[in-house]
Amino acid sequence: MELFFLVFGLFAIGGLVLTIWALVDAIRVPDESMFQSGNRLIWVLVIVLTGFIGAIIYLIVGRPSEADRARKLAPPPVPPPPPGSIG
């Protein structure tokens, strides 16, 4: 019986950690247009109201990819100098 409670407790803690991680990740997205679908408010509500299942749905459907995050956070390329300005 103790094994059942230990396993159940580990799953409960894992679900709570996943939910908190997904919530923090959704809040820290720097630009609303980076979400694959929806917006920040929608995803925060989905995660808070549905918990573990909402966190899994966010990670599969709504989370911005790492490539999108890197592309949005990278500085714009520096344009070349105008013709005739170099020596």
Protein backbone atom coordinates (compact mmCIF):
# COMPACT_ATOMS: atom_id res chain seq x y z
CA MET A 1 0.00 0.00 0.00
CA GLU A 2 2.89 2.36 0.72
CA LEU A 3 4.22 1.73 -2.77
CA PHE A 4 0.91 2.90 -4.23
CA PHE A 5 1.08 6.17 -2.29
CA LEU A 6 4.73 6.66 -3.22
CA VAL A 7 4.02 6.18 -6.94
CA PHE A 8 0.90 8.35 -6.77
CA GLY A 9 2.85 11.03 -4.92
CA LEU A 10 5.62 11.01 -7.51
CA PHE A 11 3.09 11.37 -10.33
CA ALA A 12 1.33 14.18 -8.48
CA ILE A 13 4.58 16.06 -7.89
CA GLY A 14 5.63 15.48 -11.52
CA GLY A 15 2.29 16.81 -12.76
CA LEU A 16 2.55 19.87 -10.54
CA VAL A 17 6.11 20.58 -11.73
CA LEU A 18 5.05 20.19 -15.38
CA THR A 19 2.09 22.51 -14.86
CA ILE A 20 4.19 25.20 -13.19
CA TRP A 21 6.90 24.90 -15.86
CA ALA A 22 4.36 25.27 -18.69
CA LEU A 23 2.72 28.24 -16.95
CA VAL A 24 6.05 30.04 -16.48
CA ASP A 25 7.03 29.23 -20.07
CA ALA A 26 3.75 30.65 -21.42
CA ILE A 27 4.10 33.83 -19.36
CA ARG A 28 7.73 34.42 -20.39
CA VAL A 29 7.15 34.30 -24.17
CA PRO A 30 8.35 37.76 -25.25
CA ASP A 31 5.97 38.30 -28.17
CA GLU A 32 2.33 37.29 -28.55
CA SER A 33 2.83 36.44 -32.24
CA MET A 34 5.30 33.66 -31.35
CA PHE A 35 2.60 31.26 -30.11
CA GLN A 36 1.72 28.57 -32.64
CA SER A 37 -1.97 29.19 -31.90
CA GLY A 38 -3.86 31.40 -29.48
CA ASN A 39 -2.32 34.07 -27.29
CA ARG A 40 -0.82 34.36 -23.81
CA LEU A 41 -4.12 34.89 -21.97
CA ILE A 42 -5.73 31.86 -23.60
CA TRP A 43 -2.79 29.58 -22.79
CA VAL A 44 -2.48 30.77 -19.20
CA LEU A 45 -6.20 30.11 -18.68
CA VAL A 46 -5.96 26.67 -20.33
CA ILE A 47 -3.01 25.69 -18.12
CA VAL A 48 -4.51 27.07 -14.90
CA LEU A 49 -8.01 25.68 -15.40
CA THR A 50 -7.06 22.23 -16.68
CA GLY A 51 -3.74 21.70 -14.89
CA PHE A 52 -1.63 18.78 -16.06
CA ILE A 53 -3.71 18.11 -19.19
CA GLY A 54 -3.60 21.81 -20.16
CA ALA A 55 0.18 21.84 -19.72
CA ILE A 56 0.53 18.87 -22.06
CA ILE A 57 -1.79 20.52 -24.61
CA TYR A 58 0.24 23.75 -24.40
CA LEU A 59 3.51 21.92 -24.94
CA ILE A 60 2.15 20.05 -27.97
CA VAL A 61 -0.03 22.70 -29.62
CA GLY A 62 0.83 26.20 -28.44
CA ARG A 63 4.45 26.44 -27.35
CA PRO A 64 6.68 28.44 -29.68
CA SER A 65 9.53 26.43 -31.17
CA GLU A 66 13.09 27.24 -30.18
CA ALA A 67 13.77 28.41 -33.75
CA ASP A 68 10.92 30.96 -33.50
CA ARG A 69 12.23 32.21 -30.17
CA ALA A 70 15.78 32.58 -31.48
CA ARG A 71 14.62 34.31 -34.67
CA LYS A 72 12.46 36.82 -32.77
CA LEU A 73 15.16 37.60 -30.20
CA ALA A 74 18.05 37.92 -32.66
CA PRO A 75 19.02 41.48 -33.59
CA PRO A 76 18.17 42.54 -37.12
CA PRO A 77 20.98 42.18 -39.65
CA VAL A 78 23.16 45.23 -40.21
CA PRO A 79 22.62 46.66 -43.70
CA PRO A 80 25.66 47.11 -45.93
CA PRO A 81 27.07 50.60 -46.35
CA PRO A 82 25.73 52.63 -49.27
CA PRO A 83 27.70 52.49 -52.52
CA GLY A 84 30.54 54.96 -52.80
CA SER A 85 30.92 55.49 -49.06
CA ILE A 86 33.96 53.24 -48.72
CA GLY A 87 37.22 54.97 -49.34
